[in-house]
Amino acid sequence: MAKMIHTMIRVLDETRSADFYKLLFGLEVVDRYPFDGFTLVYLANAETGFELEFTVNAGREAAYDLGDGYGHLAVSVEDVAAEHQRLIDLGIPVGKLVSMEREGAVFARFFFVTDPDGYKIEVLQRGGRFQ
């Protein structure tokens, strides 16, 4: 059986992106591998074995075109309302906290935030199928 281990995004500024993911989600750089022309950076936290990989291409100055195929990353938190307020208090632009219902019950409570490179991140209330 296959095991999901990471997802990769391309970032312009390693420090800016690492600081963002640490501040918002407690992700720390756990490995960094420079190569000729690019660097791979892996971030994780104690909550999960899944990692976020940055690819930082040397000499890249223009923002990446995310195209129309990219959806979003998702993280779950214990208290989505408190997390929403924490980010607002930090001055981070966040989307509206919403509840999505299905068959008369709350299916998901979430909001979106955008990272420095334009990637959307869904922040979900932990519970149900969103562990």
N, C-alpha and C. Protein backbone atom coordinates (compact mmCIF):
# COMPACT_ATOMS: atom_id res chain seq x y z
N MET A 1 0.84 -1.18 0.00
CA MET A 1 0.00 0.00 0.00
C MET A 1 0.89 1.25 0.00
N ALA A 2 0.54 2.23 -0.79
CA ALA A 2 1.32 3.47 -0.85
C ALA A 2 1.01 4.37 0.35
N LYS A 3 1.98 5.16 0.74
CA LYS A 3 1.83 6.09 1.86
C LYS A 3 2.17 7.49 1.35
N MET A 4 1.26 8.44 1.49
CA MET A 4 1.53 9.83 1.10
C MET A 4 2.57 10.39 2.06
N ILE A 5 3.63 11.04 1.51
CA ILE A 5 4.69 11.53 2.38
C ILE A 5 4.95 13.04 2.27
N HIS A 6 4.68 13.64 1.10
CA HIS A 6 4.84 15.09 1.01
C HIS A 6 4.13 15.65 -0.21
N THR A 7 3.98 16.96 -0.19
CA THR A 7 3.54 17.69 -1.37
C THR A 7 4.55 18.79 -1.60
N MET A 8 4.76 19.18 -2.86
CA MET A 8 5.77 20.18 -3.20
C MET A 8 5.12 21.42 -3.78
N ILE A 9 5.64 22.57 -3.37
CA ILE A 9 5.27 23.84 -3.98
C ILE A 9 6.55 24.59 -4.31
N ARG A 10 6.50 25.40 -5.35
CA ARG A 10 7.65 26.23 -5.73
C ARG A 10 7.50 27.59 -5.06
N VAL A 11 8.58 28.04 -4.42
CA VAL A 11 8.54 29.32 -3.73
C VAL A 11 9.67 30.22 -4.22
N LEU A 12 9.44 31.51 -4.20
CA LEU A 12 10.46 32.48 -4.63
C LEU A 12 11.48 32.76 -3.54
N ASP A 13 11.01 32.91 -2.32
CA ASP A 13 11.87 33.33 -1.22
C ASP A 13 11.75 32.31 -0.09
N GLU A 14 12.77 31.49 0.07
CA GLU A 14 12.75 30.41 1.07
C GLU A 14 12.48 30.92 2.47
N THR A 15 13.17 31.97 2.88
CA THR A 15 13.01 32.49 4.24
C THR A 15 11.60 33.02 4.47
N ARG A 16 11.10 33.80 3.53
CA ARG A 16 9.75 34.37 3.66
C ARG A 16 8.72 33.26 3.78
N SER A 17 8.83 32.23 2.94
CA SER A 17 7.87 31.14 2.97
C SER A 17 8.02 30.29 4.23
N ALA A 18 9.25 29.99 4.64
CA ALA A 18 9.48 29.21 5.85
C ALA A 18 8.93 29.95 7.07
N ASP A 19 9.14 31.27 7.13
CA ASP A 19 8.62 32.07 8.25
C ASP A 19 7.09 32.02 8.28
N PHE A 20 6.46 32.13 7.11
CA PHE A 20 5.00 32.08 7.00
C PHE A 20 4.45 30.76 7.53
N TYR A 21 4.99 29.64 7.07
CA TYR A 21 4.49 28.33 7.46
C TYR A 21 4.80 28.00 8.93
N LYS A 22 5.88 28.56 9.46
CA LYS A 22 6.17 28.38 10.88
C LYS A 22 5.18 29.17 11.73
N LEU A 23 4.96 30.43 11.38
CA LEU A 23 4.06 31.30 12.13
C LEU A 23 2.63 30.77 12.11
N LEU A 24 2.16 30.36 10.94
CA LEU A 24 0.76 29.95 10.82
C LEU A 24 0.52 28.52 11.26
N PHE A 25 1.43 27.59 10.94
CA PHE A 25 1.14 26.18 11.15
C PHE A 25 2.18 25.42 11.95
N GLY A 26 3.17 26.12 12.50
CA GLY A 26 4.18 25.46 13.33
C GLY A 26 5.10 24.53 12.56
N LEU A 27 5.19 24.71 11.24
CA LEU A 27 6.08 23.87 10.44
C LEU A 27 7.51 24.39 10.56
N GLU A 28 8.42 23.49 10.79
CA GLU A 28 9.84 23.81 10.92
C GLU A 28 10.61 23.16 9.78
N VAL A 29 11.68 23.78 9.36
CA VAL A 29 12.56 23.17 8.36
C VAL A 29 13.24 21.97 9.02
N VAL A 30 13.07 20.79 8.42
CA VAL A 30 13.67 19.58 8.97
C VAL A 30 14.83 19.08 8.10
N ASP A 31 14.84 19.46 6.83
CA ASP A 31 15.94 19.11 5.93
C ASP A 31 16.04 20.15 4.83
N ARG A 32 17.26 20.33 4.35
CA ARG A 32 17.51 21.30 3.27
C ARG A 32 18.62 20.73 2.41
N TYR A 33 18.35 20.61 1.09
CA TYR A 33 19.30 19.99 0.17
C TYR A 33 19.57 20.89 -1.03
N PRO A 34 20.71 21.60 -1.02
CA PRO A 34 21.07 22.41 -2.18
C PRO A 34 21.57 21.53 -3.33
N PHE A 35 21.14 21.85 -4.53
CA PHE A 35 21.60 21.21 -5.76
C PHE A 35 22.03 22.31 -6.72
N ASP A 36 22.61 21.93 -7.82
CA ASP A 36 22.99 22.89 -8.85
C ASP A 36 21.73 23.46 -9.49
N GLY A 37 21.42 24.71 -9.21
CA GLY A 37 20.28 25.37 -9.82
C GLY A 37 19.00 25.40 -8.99
N PHE A 38 18.93 24.62 -7.92
CA PHE A 38 17.73 24.63 -7.09
C PHE A 38 18.05 24.05 -5.71
N THR A 39 17.15 24.30 -4.77
CA THR A 39 17.27 23.77 -3.41
C THR A 39 15.94 23.15 -3.03
N LEU A 40 16.00 22.00 -2.37
CA LEU A 40 14.81 21.35 -1.82
C LEU A 40 14.81 21.55 -0.31
N VAL A 41 13.68 22.00 0.22
CA VAL A 41 13.54 22.27 1.64
C VAL A 41 12.31 21.52 2.14
N TYR A 42 12.47 20.76 3.23
CA TYR A 42 11.36 19.98 3.78
C TYR A 42 10.96 20.55 5.13
N LEU A 43 9.64 20.72 5.32
CA LEU A 43 9.09 21.26 6.55
C LEU A 43 8.10 20.27 7.14
N ALA A 44 8.05 20.20 8.47
CA ALA A 44 7.13 19.31 9.16
C ALA A 44 6.90 19.81 10.58
N ASN A 45 5.94 19.19 11.25
CA ASN A 45 5.74 19.41 12.68
C ASN A 45 5.38 18.10 13.34
N ALA A 46 5.25 18.10 14.65
CA ALA A 46 5.02 16.87 15.40
C ALA A 46 3.63 16.28 15.20
N GLU A 47 2.71 17.04 14.60
CA GLU A 47 1.35 16.57 14.42
C GLU A 47 1.22 15.47 13.38
N THR A 48 2.15 15.42 12.43
CA THR A 48 1.99 14.50 11.31
C THR A 48 3.33 14.12 10.70
N GLY A 49 3.38 13.00 10.04
CA GLY A 49 4.57 12.59 9.31
C GLY A 49 4.60 13.16 7.91
N PHE A 50 3.51 13.78 7.48
CA PHE A 50 3.43 14.37 6.14
C PHE A 50 4.25 15.64 6.11
N GLU A 51 4.97 15.87 5.01
CA GLU A 51 5.84 17.05 4.90
C GLU A 51 5.43 17.96 3.75
N LEU A 52 5.79 19.22 3.90
CA LEU A 52 5.67 20.19 2.83
C LEU A 52 7.07 20.40 2.27
N GLU A 53 7.21 20.24 0.96
CA GLU A 53 8.50 20.44 0.30
C GLU A 53 8.45 21.73 -0.51
N PHE A 54 9.45 22.58 -0.29
CA PHE A 54 9.65 23.75 -1.14
C PHE A 54 10.68 23.40 -2.19
N THR A 55 10.46 23.82 -3.41
CA THR A 55 11.51 23.85 -4.42
C THR A 55 11.81 25.32 -4.65
N VAL A 56 13.07 25.70 -4.42
CA VAL A 56 13.51 27.08 -4.61
C VAL A 56 14.48 27.07 -5.79
N ASN A 57 14.04 27.62 -6.91
CA ASN A 57 14.87 27.65 -8.11
C ASN A 57 15.79 28.86 -8.08
N ALA A 58 17.09 28.61 -8.24
CA ALA A 58 18.09 29.69 -8.21
C ALA A 58 17.82 30.69 -9.32
N GLY A 59 17.93 31.96 -8.99
CA GLY A 59 17.82 33.02 -9.99
C GLY A 59 16.40 33.37 -10.38
N ARG A 60 15.43 32.69 -9.85
CA ARG A 60 14.03 32.97 -10.21
C ARG A 60 13.60 34.26 -9.53
N GLU A 61 13.06 35.20 -10.30
CA GLU A 61 12.59 36.47 -9.74
C GLU A 61 11.11 36.70 -9.96
N ALA A 62 10.55 36.09 -11.00
CA ALA A 62 9.14 36.29 -11.32
C ALA A 62 8.27 35.32 -10.52
N ALA A 63 7.11 35.79 -10.13
CA ALA A 63 6.16 34.92 -9.43
C ALA A 63 5.78 33.75 -10.32
N TYR A 64 5.51 32.62 -9.71
CA TYR A 64 5.08 31.44 -10.45
C TYR A 64 3.62 31.59 -10.87
N ASP A 65 3.30 31.10 -12.05
CA ASP A 65 1.92 31.06 -12.51
C ASP A 65 1.32 29.77 -11.97
N LEU A 66 0.37 29.89 -11.05
CA LEU A 66 -0.21 28.70 -10.43
C LEU A 66 -1.21 28.02 -11.35
N GLY A 67 -1.57 28.67 -12.44
CA GLY A 67 -2.46 28.05 -13.42
C GLY A 67 -3.86 27.85 -12.88
N ASP A 68 -4.64 27.11 -13.65
CA ASP A 68 -6.01 26.86 -13.22
C ASP A 68 -6.21 25.42 -12.75
N GLY A 69 -5.12 24.71 -12.52
CA GLY A 69 -5.21 23.34 -12.05
C GLY A 69 -4.95 23.20 -10.56
N TYR A 70 -4.29 24.17 -9.95
CA TYR A 70 -3.98 24.08 -8.52
C TYR A 70 -5.24 24.31 -7.70
N GLY A 71 -5.42 23.51 -6.67
CA GLY A 71 -6.56 23.67 -5.76
C GLY A 71 -6.13 24.33 -4.47
N HIS A 72 -5.69 23.52 -3.50
CA HIS A 72 -5.25 24.06 -2.23
C HIS A 72 -4.57 22.98 -1.40
N LEU A 73 -3.82 23.43 -0.41
CA LEU A 73 -3.33 22.57 0.67
C LEU A 73 -4.39 22.62 1.76
N ALA A 74 -4.40 21.65 2.65
CA ALA A 74 -5.35 21.68 3.76
C ALA A 74 -4.64 21.25 5.04
N VAL A 75 -4.97 21.94 6.13
CA VAL A 75 -4.51 21.58 7.47
C VAL A 75 -5.73 21.53 8.37
N SER A 76 -5.65 20.70 9.42
CA SER A 76 -6.73 20.67 10.40
C SER A 76 -6.21 21.20 11.73
N VAL A 77 -7.10 21.86 12.48
CA VAL A 77 -6.74 22.43 13.78
C VAL A 77 -7.83 22.05 14.79
N GLU A 78 -7.47 22.09 16.07
CA GLU A 78 -8.41 21.73 17.13
C GLU A 78 -9.57 22.72 17.25
N ASP A 79 -9.28 24.01 17.07
CA ASP A 79 -10.31 25.05 17.24
C ASP A 79 -10.19 26.04 16.10
N VAL A 80 -10.97 25.84 15.05
CA VAL A 80 -10.83 26.66 13.85
C VAL A 80 -11.21 28.12 14.11
N ALA A 81 -12.18 28.37 14.98
CA ALA A 81 -12.55 29.76 15.29
C ALA A 81 -11.42 30.48 16.00
N ALA A 82 -10.78 29.81 16.96
CA ALA A 82 -9.65 30.42 17.66
C ALA A 82 -8.47 30.64 16.71
N GLU A 83 -8.24 29.71 15.81
CA GLU A 83 -7.15 29.86 14.84
C GLU A 83 -7.44 31.01 13.88
N HIS A 84 -8.68 31.14 13.46
CA HIS A 84 -9.09 32.25 12.59
C HIS A 84 -8.80 33.58 13.29
N GLN A 85 -9.19 33.68 14.54
CA GLN A 85 -8.97 34.91 15.30
C GLN A 85 -7.48 35.16 15.54
N ARG A 86 -6.72 34.12 15.81
CA ARG A 86 -5.27 34.26 16.02
C ARG A 86 -4.61 34.88 14.79
N LEU A 87 -4.97 34.40 13.62
CA LEU A 87 -4.37 34.94 12.39
C LEU A 87 -4.81 36.37 12.14
N ILE A 88 -6.07 36.67 12.41
CA ILE A 88 -6.55 38.05 12.30
C ILE A 88 -5.74 38.95 13.23
N ASP A 89 -5.53 38.50 14.48
CA ASP A 89 -4.77 39.28 15.46
C ASP A 89 -3.32 39.50 15.02
N LEU A 90 -2.78 38.56 14.24
CA LEU A 90 -1.42 38.70 13.71
C LEU A 90 -1.37 39.60 12.48
N GLY A 91 -2.54 40.03 12.00
CA GLY A 91 -2.60 40.86 10.81
C GLY A 91 -2.51 40.08 9.51
N ILE A 92 -2.77 38.78 9.56
CA ILE A 92 -2.74 37.94 8.38
C ILE A 92 -4.09 38.04 7.68
N PRO A 93 -4.11 38.35 6.39
CA PRO A 93 -5.41 38.37 5.69
C PRO A 93 -5.97 36.95 5.56
N VAL A 94 -7.17 36.76 6.06
CA VAL A 94 -7.81 35.45 6.01
C VAL A 94 -9.20 35.60 5.42
N GLY A 95 -9.69 34.50 4.86
CA GLY A 95 -11.06 34.49 4.36
C GLY A 95 -12.05 34.34 5.50
N LYS A 96 -13.30 34.43 5.14
CA LYS A 96 -14.39 34.31 6.10
C LYS A 96 -14.44 32.88 6.66
N LEU A 97 -14.72 32.75 7.94
CA LEU A 97 -14.93 31.45 8.57
C LEU A 97 -16.33 30.98 8.18
N VAL A 98 -16.40 29.84 7.53
CA VAL A 98 -17.69 29.35 7.03
C VAL A 98 -17.96 27.93 7.50
N SER A 99 -19.23 27.58 7.52
CA SER A 99 -19.66 26.21 7.79
C SER A 99 -20.34 25.69 6.54
N MET A 100 -20.02 24.45 6.20
CA MET A 100 -20.63 23.81 5.05
C MET A 100 -21.47 22.65 5.58
N GLU A 101 -22.74 22.63 5.21
CA GLU A 101 -23.64 21.60 5.71
C GLU A 101 -23.92 20.56 4.64
N ARG A 102 -24.23 19.36 5.14
CA ARG A 102 -24.60 18.25 4.27
C ARG A 102 -25.60 17.39 5.03
N GLU A 103 -26.73 17.13 4.41
CA GLU A 103 -27.78 16.31 5.02
C GLU A 103 -28.16 16.82 6.40
N GLY A 104 -28.28 18.14 6.54
CA GLY A 104 -28.74 18.76 7.77
C GLY A 104 -27.74 18.84 8.91
N ALA A 105 -26.48 18.48 8.65
CA ALA A 105 -25.45 18.54 9.69
C ALA A 105 -24.22 19.26 9.16
N VAL A 106 -23.44 19.81 10.06
CA VAL A 106 -22.21 20.48 9.66
C VAL A 106 -21.24 19.43 9.12
N PHE A 107 -20.82 19.62 7.89
CA PHE A 107 -19.84 18.74 7.26
C PHE A 107 -18.43 19.26 7.50
N ALA A 108 -18.27 20.59 7.41
CA ALA A 108 -16.94 21.18 7.58
C ALA A 108 -17.08 22.63 8.03
N ARG A 109 -16.14 23.06 8.89
CA ARG A 109 -15.98 24.48 9.26
C ARG A 109 -14.57 24.84 8.86
N PHE A 110 -14.41 25.93 8.11
CA PHE A 110 -13.10 26.23 7.55
C PHE A 110 -12.99 27.68 7.12
N PHE A 111 -11.75 28.08 6.84
CA PHE A 111 -11.45 29.34 6.18
C PHE A 111 -10.21 29.12 5.33
N PHE A 112 -9.97 30.06 4.45
CA PHE A 112 -8.78 29.99 3.59
C PHE A 112 -7.83 31.13 3.91
N VAL A 113 -6.56 30.85 3.73
CA VAL A 113 -5.49 31.84 3.83
C VAL A 113 -4.59 31.61 2.63
N THR A 114 -3.89 32.66 2.21
CA THR A 114 -3.02 32.56 1.04
C THR A 114 -1.58 32.79 1.47
N ASP A 115 -0.67 31.91 1.02
CA ASP A 115 0.74 32.06 1.39
C ASP A 115 1.41 33.13 0.52
N PRO A 116 2.67 33.48 0.81
CA PRO A 116 3.34 34.56 0.07
C PRO A 116 3.49 34.32 -1.43
N ASP A 117 3.39 33.06 -1.87
CA ASP A 117 3.52 32.76 -3.30
C ASP A 117 2.17 32.55 -3.98
N GLY A 118 1.09 32.79 -3.26
CA GLY A 118 -0.24 32.70 -3.84
C GLY A 118 -0.94 31.37 -3.67
N TYR A 119 -0.33 30.43 -2.95
CA TYR A 119 -0.98 29.14 -2.73
C TYR A 119 -2.08 29.27 -1.68
N LYS A 120 -3.23 28.71 -1.98
CA LYS A 120 -4.36 28.72 -1.05
C LYS A 120 -4.20 27.58 -0.05
N ILE A 121 -4.53 27.86 1.21
CA ILE A 121 -4.47 26.87 2.27
C ILE A 121 -5.81 26.88 2.99
N GLU A 122 -6.44 25.72 3.05
CA GLU A 122 -7.70 25.57 3.76
C GLU A 122 -7.39 25.15 5.20
N VAL A 123 -7.95 25.87 6.15
CA VAL A 123 -7.77 25.56 7.56
C VAL A 123 -9.11 25.03 8.07
N LEU A 124 -9.12 23.75 8.42
CA LEU A 124 -10.36 23.04 8.78
C LEU A 124 -10.42 22.72 10.26
N GLN A 125 -11.66 22.74 10.79
CA GLN A 125 -11.90 22.24 12.14
C GLN A 125 -11.62 20.74 12.14
N ARG A 126 -10.78 20.29 13.07
CA ARG A 126 -10.48 18.86 13.16
C ARG A 126 -11.72 18.11 13.67
N GLY A 127 -12.02 17.02 13.01
CA GLY A 127 -13.13 16.19 13.39
C GLY A 127 -13.74 15.51 12.18
N GLY A 128 -14.54 14.48 12.42
CA GLY A 128 -15.16 13.77 11.32
C GLY A 128 -14.12 13.22 10.35
N ARG A 129 -14.27 13.52 9.08
CA ARG A 129 -13.30 13.03 8.10
C ARG A 129 -12.05 13.89 8.03
N PHE A 130 -12.05 15.01 8.73
CA PHE A 130 -10.92 15.94 8.69
C PHE A 130 -10.08 15.83 9.96
N GLN A 131 -9.34 14.77 10.07
CA GLN A 131 -8.50 14.52 11.24
C GLN A 131 -7.14 15.13 11.04
